[in-house]
Every structure is written in structure tokens, then in C-alpha cells.
Amino acid sequence: MAERKTRSDCTVGTFEKKNGLPPGTIRNKDGRDTRSDKLIGTIRREAGKRK
């Protein structure tokens, strides 16, 4: 069974908890850990601009 895509209004903190990841797993481009209240949709939008 296929896994569903994570909702874009989910926060980084919630995503890490839901998937059993330690805090600070998701990092910014410069290597610092991403704020836990940042939205997944914002991260996707930023990644799209870099291409």
C-alpha cells in the first residue's frame, strides 16, 4: 500500500513526532535545524525556488 504525501499545513515538529524522527532532523540549506513551527509547504516552496 502506498504512503500518502504529507499535508503542506503540517509543521516540522509534528512531522518529526509523527514519523518517529529525533528533533532537529530536518535542516535548512545552511545546515541549521529548521524551526519546529515552520510549515512543510514552506519548505517545499523554498525547494522549488532553488531548482
PDB file of N, CA and C in Angstrom:
ATOM      1  N   MET A   1       0.840  -1.176   0.000  1.00  0.00           N
ATOM      2  CA  MET A   1       0.000   0.000   0.000  1.00  0.00           C
ATOM      3  C   MET A   1       0.894   1.251   0.000  1.00  0.00           C
ATOM      4  N   ALA A   2       0.541   2.225  -0.805  1.00  0.00           N
ATOM      5  CA  ALA A   2       1.345   3.435  -0.961  1.00  0.00           C
ATOM      6  C   ALA A   2       1.146   4.384   0.224  1.00  0.00           C
ATOM      7  N   GLU A   3       2.207   5.075   0.569  1.00  0.00           N
ATOM      8  CA  GLU A   3       2.158   6.084   1.627  1.00  0.00           C
ATOM      9  C   GLU A   3       1.620   7.379   1.036  1.00  0.00           C
ATOM     10  N   ARG A   4       0.818   8.097   1.811  1.00  0.00           N
ATOM     11  CA  ARG A   4       0.267   9.370   1.346  1.00  0.00           C
ATOM     12  C   ARG A   4       1.272  10.493   1.545  1.00  0.00           C
ATOM     13  N   LYS A   5       1.171  11.518   0.713  1.00  0.00           N
ATOM     14  CA  LYS A   5       2.016  12.698   0.812  1.00  0.00           C
ATOM     15  C   LYS A   5       1.621  13.470   2.076  1.00  0.00           C
ATOM     16  N   THR A   6       2.606  14.022   2.765  1.00  0.00           N
ATOM     17  CA  THR A   6       2.360  14.804   3.977  1.00  0.00           C
ATOM     18  C   THR A   6       1.660  16.103   3.614  1.00  0.00           C
ATOM     19  N   ARG A   7       0.679  16.491   4.427  1.00  0.00           N
ATOM     20  CA  ARG A   7      -0.050  17.739   4.187  1.00  0.00           C
ATOM     21  C   ARG A   7       0.888  18.930   4.283  1.00  0.00           C
ATOM     22  N   SER A   8       0.632  19.945   3.456  1.00  0.00           N
ATOM     23  CA  SER A   8       1.509  21.113   3.479  1.00  0.00           C
ATOM     24  C   SER A   8       1.291  22.005   4.682  1.00  0.00           C
ATOM     25  N   ASP A   9       0.158  21.888   5.381  1.00  0.00           N
ATOM     26  CA  ASP A   9      -0.053  22.713   6.568  1.00  0.00           C
ATOM     27  C   ASP A   9       0.419  22.027   7.847  1.00  0.00           C
ATOM     28  N   CYS A  10       1.126  20.930   7.707  1.00  0.00           N
ATOM     29  CA  CYS A  10       1.719  20.231   8.850  1.00  0.00           C
ATOM     30  C   CYS A  10       3.021  20.934   9.228  1.00  0.00           C
ATOM     31  N   THR A  11       3.281  21.069  10.524  1.00  0.00           N
ATOM     32  CA  THR A  11       4.520  21.714  10.950  1.00  0.00           C
ATOM     33  C   THR A  11       5.661  20.700  11.008  1.00  0.00           C
ATOM     34  N   VAL A  12       6.879  21.216  11.025  1.00  0.00           N
ATOM     35  CA  VAL A  12       8.067  20.369  11.078  1.00  0.00           C
ATOM     36  C   VAL A  12       8.075  19.552  12.369  1.00  0.00           C
ATOM     37  N   GLY A  13       7.725  20.172  13.499  1.00  0.00           N
ATOM     38  CA  GLY A  13       7.697  19.475  14.781  1.00  0.00           C
ATOM     39  C   GLY A  13       6.725  18.310  14.783  1.00  0.00           C
ATOM     40  N   THR A  14       5.539  18.531  14.239  1.00  0.00           N
ATOM     41  CA  THR A  14       4.528  17.473  14.160  1.00  0.00           C
ATOM     42  C   THR A  14       4.993  16.357  13.236  1.00  0.00           C
ATOM     43  N   PHE A  15       5.593  16.727  12.113  1.00  0.00           N
ATOM     44  CA  PHE A  15       6.086  15.738  11.152  1.00  0.00           C
ATOM     45  C   PHE A  15       7.144  14.845  11.786  1.00  0.00           C
ATOM     46  N   GLU A  16       8.080  15.464  12.530  1.00  0.00           N
ATOM     47  CA  GLU A  16       9.141  14.678  13.174  1.00  0.00           C
ATOM     48  C   GLU A  16       8.561  13.737  14.223  1.00  0.00           C
ATOM     49  N   LYS A  17       7.614  14.216  15.016  1.00  0.00           N
ATOM     50  CA  LYS A  17       6.986  13.358  16.035  1.00  0.00           C
ATOM     51  C   LYS A  17       6.226  12.206  15.399  1.00  0.00           C
ATOM     52  N   LYS A  18       5.427  12.525  14.369  1.00  0.00           N
ATOM     53  CA  LYS A  18       4.577  11.535  13.717  1.00  0.00           C
ATOM     54  C   LYS A  18       5.394  10.417  13.085  1.00  0.00           C
ATOM     55  N   ASN A  19       6.560  10.759  12.553  1.00  0.00           N
ATOM     56  CA  ASN A  19       7.391   9.770  11.869  1.00  0.00           C
ATOM     57  C   ASN A  19       8.490   9.192  12.755  1.00  0.00           C
ATOM     58  N   GLY A  20       8.482   9.545  14.046  1.00  0.00           N
ATOM     59  CA  GLY A  20       9.451   8.984  14.983  1.00  0.00           C
ATOM     60  C   GLY A  20      10.873   9.478  14.764  1.00  0.00           C
ATOM     61  N   LEU A  21      11.020  10.696  14.240  1.00  0.00           N
ATOM     62  CA  LEU A  21      12.345  11.261  13.991  1.00  0.00           C
ATOM     63  C   LEU A  21      12.781  12.096  15.194  1.00  0.00           C
ATOM     64  N   PRO A  22      14.060  12.120  15.493  1.00  0.00           N
ATOM     65  CA  PRO A  22      14.518  12.970  16.602  1.00  0.00           C
ATOM     66  C   PRO A  22      14.403  14.448  16.227  1.00  0.00           C
ATOM     67  N   PRO A  23      14.177  15.325  17.202  1.00  0.00           N
ATOM     68  CA  PRO A  23      14.091  16.762  16.899  1.00  0.00           C
ATOM     69  C   PRO A  23      15.377  17.262  16.257  1.00  0.00           C
ATOM     70  N   GLY A  24      15.231  18.117  15.249  1.00  0.00           N
ATOM     71  CA  GLY A  24      16.387  18.655  14.549  1.00  0.00           C
ATOM     72  C   GLY A  24      16.810  17.846  13.339  1.00  0.00           C
ATOM     73  N   THR A  25      16.021  16.848  12.968  1.00  0.00           N
ATOM     74  CA  THR A  25      16.365  16.017  11.815  1.00  0.00           C
ATOM     75  C   THR A  25      16.260  16.813  10.517  1.00  0.00           C
ATOM     76  N   ILE A  26      15.208  17.613  10.400  1.00  0.00           N
ATOM     77  CA  ILE A  26      15.016  18.412   9.193  1.00  0.00           C
ATOM     78  C   ILE A  26      15.856  19.673   9.330  1.00  0.00           C
ATOM     79  N   ARG A  27      16.707  19.915   8.337  1.00  0.00           N
ATOM     80  CA  ARG A  27      17.669  21.010   8.393  1.00  0.00           C
ATOM     81  C   ARG A  27      17.417  22.017   7.281  1.00  0.00           C
ATOM     82  N   ASN A  28      17.841  23.268   7.528  1.00  0.00           N
ATOM     83  CA  ASN A  28      17.827  24.305   6.496  1.00  0.00           C
ATOM     84  C   ASN A  28      18.983  24.056   5.538  1.00  0.00           C
ATOM     85  N   LYS A  29      18.996  24.806   4.450  1.00  0.00           N
ATOM     86  CA  LYS A  29      20.059  24.655   3.449  1.00  0.00           C
ATOM     87  C   LYS A  29      21.440  24.936   4.041  1.00  0.00           C
ATOM     88  N   ASP A  30      21.502  25.863   5.016  1.00  0.00           N
ATOM     89  CA  ASP A  30      22.792  26.216   5.612  1.00  0.00           C
ATOM     90  C   ASP A  30      23.238  25.266   6.725  1.00  0.00           C
ATOM     91  N   GLY A  31      22.464  24.225   7.001  1.00  0.00           N
ATOM     92  CA  GLY A  31      22.870  23.216   7.976  1.00  0.00           C
ATOM     93  C   GLY A  31      22.253  23.352   9.353  1.00  0.00           C
ATOM     94  N   ARG A  32      21.642  24.513   9.651  1.00  0.00           N
ATOM     95  CA  ARG A  32      20.995  24.665  10.961  1.00  0.00           C
ATOM     96  C   ARG A  32      19.662  23.928  10.953  1.00  0.00           C
ATOM     97  N   ASP A  33      19.220  23.477  12.134  1.00  0.00           N
ATOM     98  CA  ASP A  33      17.935  22.785  12.155  1.00  0.00           C
ATOM     99  C   ASP A  33      16.799  23.786  11.957  1.00  0.00           C
ATOM    100  N   THR A  34      15.754  23.305  11.272  1.00  0.00           N
ATOM    101  CA  THR A  34      14.596  24.121  10.926  1.00  0.00           C
ATOM    102  C   THR A  34      13.727  24.346  12.156  1.00  0.00           C
ATOM    103  N   ARG A  35      13.122  25.529  12.246  1.00  0.00           N
ATOM    104  CA  ARG A  35      12.204  25.814  13.357  1.00  0.00           C
ATOM    105  C   ARG A  35      11.070  24.796  13.351  1.00  0.00           C
ATOM    106  N   SER A  36      10.625  24.394  14.533  1.00  0.00           N
ATOM    107  CA  SER A  36       9.592  23.359  14.625  1.00  0.00           C
ATOM    108  C   SER A  36       8.222  23.866  14.203  1.00  0.00           C
ATOM    109  N   ASP A  37       8.016  25.198  14.155  1.00  0.00           N
ATOM    110  CA  ASP A  37       6.715  25.711  13.739  1.00  0.00           C
ATOM    111  C   ASP A  37       6.669  26.094  12.255  1.00  0.00           C
ATOM    112  N   LYS A  38       7.710  25.764  11.506  1.00  0.00           N
ATOM    113  CA  LYS A  38       7.735  26.037  10.065  1.00  0.00           C
ATOM    114  C   LYS A  38       6.863  25.003   9.354  1.00  0.00           C
ATOM    115  N   LEU A  39       6.131  25.435   8.342  1.00  0.00           N
ATOM    116  CA  LEU A  39       5.229  24.535   7.627  1.00  0.00           C
ATOM    117  C   LEU A  39       5.962  23.749   6.544  1.00  0.00           C
ATOM    118  N   ILE A  40       5.495  22.531   6.316  1.00  0.00           N
ATOM    119  CA  ILE A  40       6.063  21.674   5.277  1.00  0.00           C
ATOM    120  C   ILE A  40       5.883  22.328   3.905  1.00  0.00           C
ATOM    121  N   GLY A  41       4.757  23.004   3.695  1.00  0.00           N
ATOM    122  CA  GLY A  41       4.501  23.691   2.429  1.00  0.00           C
ATOM    123  C   GLY A  41       5.539  24.764   2.139  1.00  0.00           C
ATOM    124  N   THR A  42       5.995  25.459   3.166  1.00  0.00           N
ATOM    125  CA  THR A  42       7.022  26.488   3.003  1.00  0.00           C
ATOM    126  C   THR A  42       8.341  25.856   2.574  1.00  0.00           C
ATOM    127  N   ILE A  43       8.674  24.729   3.161  1.00  0.00           N
ATOM    128  CA  ILE A  43       9.910  24.022   2.802  1.00  0.00           C
ATOM    129  C   ILE A  43       9.841  23.566   1.341  1.00  0.00           C
ATOM    130  N   ARG A  44       8.687  23.046   0.922  1.00  0.00           N
ATOM    131  CA  ARG A  44       8.525  22.619  -0.471  1.00  0.00           C
ATOM    132  C   ARG A  44       8.653  23.804  -1.423  1.00  0.00           C
ATOM    133  N   ARG A  45       8.057  24.928  -1.055  1.00  0.00           N
ATOM    134  CA  ARG A  45       8.112  26.130  -1.895  1.00  0.00           C
ATOM    135  C   ARG A  45       9.556  26.625  -2.036  1.00  0.00           C
ATOM    136  N   GLU A  46      10.306  26.624  -0.919  1.00  0.00           N
ATOM    137  CA  GLU A  46      11.709  27.031  -0.957  1.00  0.00           C
ATOM    138  C   GLU A  46      12.538  26.082  -1.813  1.00  0.00           C
ATOM    139  N   ALA A  47      12.256  24.803  -1.737  1.00  0.00           N
ATOM    140  CA  ALA A  47      12.996  23.820  -2.531  1.00  0.00           C
ATOM    141  C   ALA A  47      12.709  24.003  -4.020  1.00  0.00           C
ATOM    142  N   GLY A  48      11.503  24.409  -4.349  1.00  0.00           N
ATOM    143  CA  GLY A  48      11.143  24.639  -5.751  1.00  0.00           C
ATOM    144  C   GLY A  48      11.856  25.836  -6.337  1.00  0.00           C
ATOM    145  N   LYS A  49      12.143  26.844  -5.521  1.00  0.00           N
ATOM    146  CA  LYS A  49      12.823  28.050  -5.995  1.00  0.00           C
ATOM    147  C   LYS A  49      14.284  27.783  -6.298  1.00  0.00           C
ATOM    148  N   ARG A  50      14.890  26.814  -5.613  1.00  0.00           N
ATOM    149  CA  ARG A  50      16.318  26.528  -5.785  1.00  0.00           C
ATOM    150  C   ARG A  50      16.628  25.860  -7.097  1.00  0.00           C
ATOM    151  N   LYS A  51      15.650  25.250  -7.727  1.00  0.00           N
ATOM    152  CA  LYS A  51      15.915  24.463  -8.944  1.00  0.00           C
ATOM    153  C   LYS A  51      16.330  25.316 -10.107  1.00  0.00           C
TER     154      LYS A  51
END
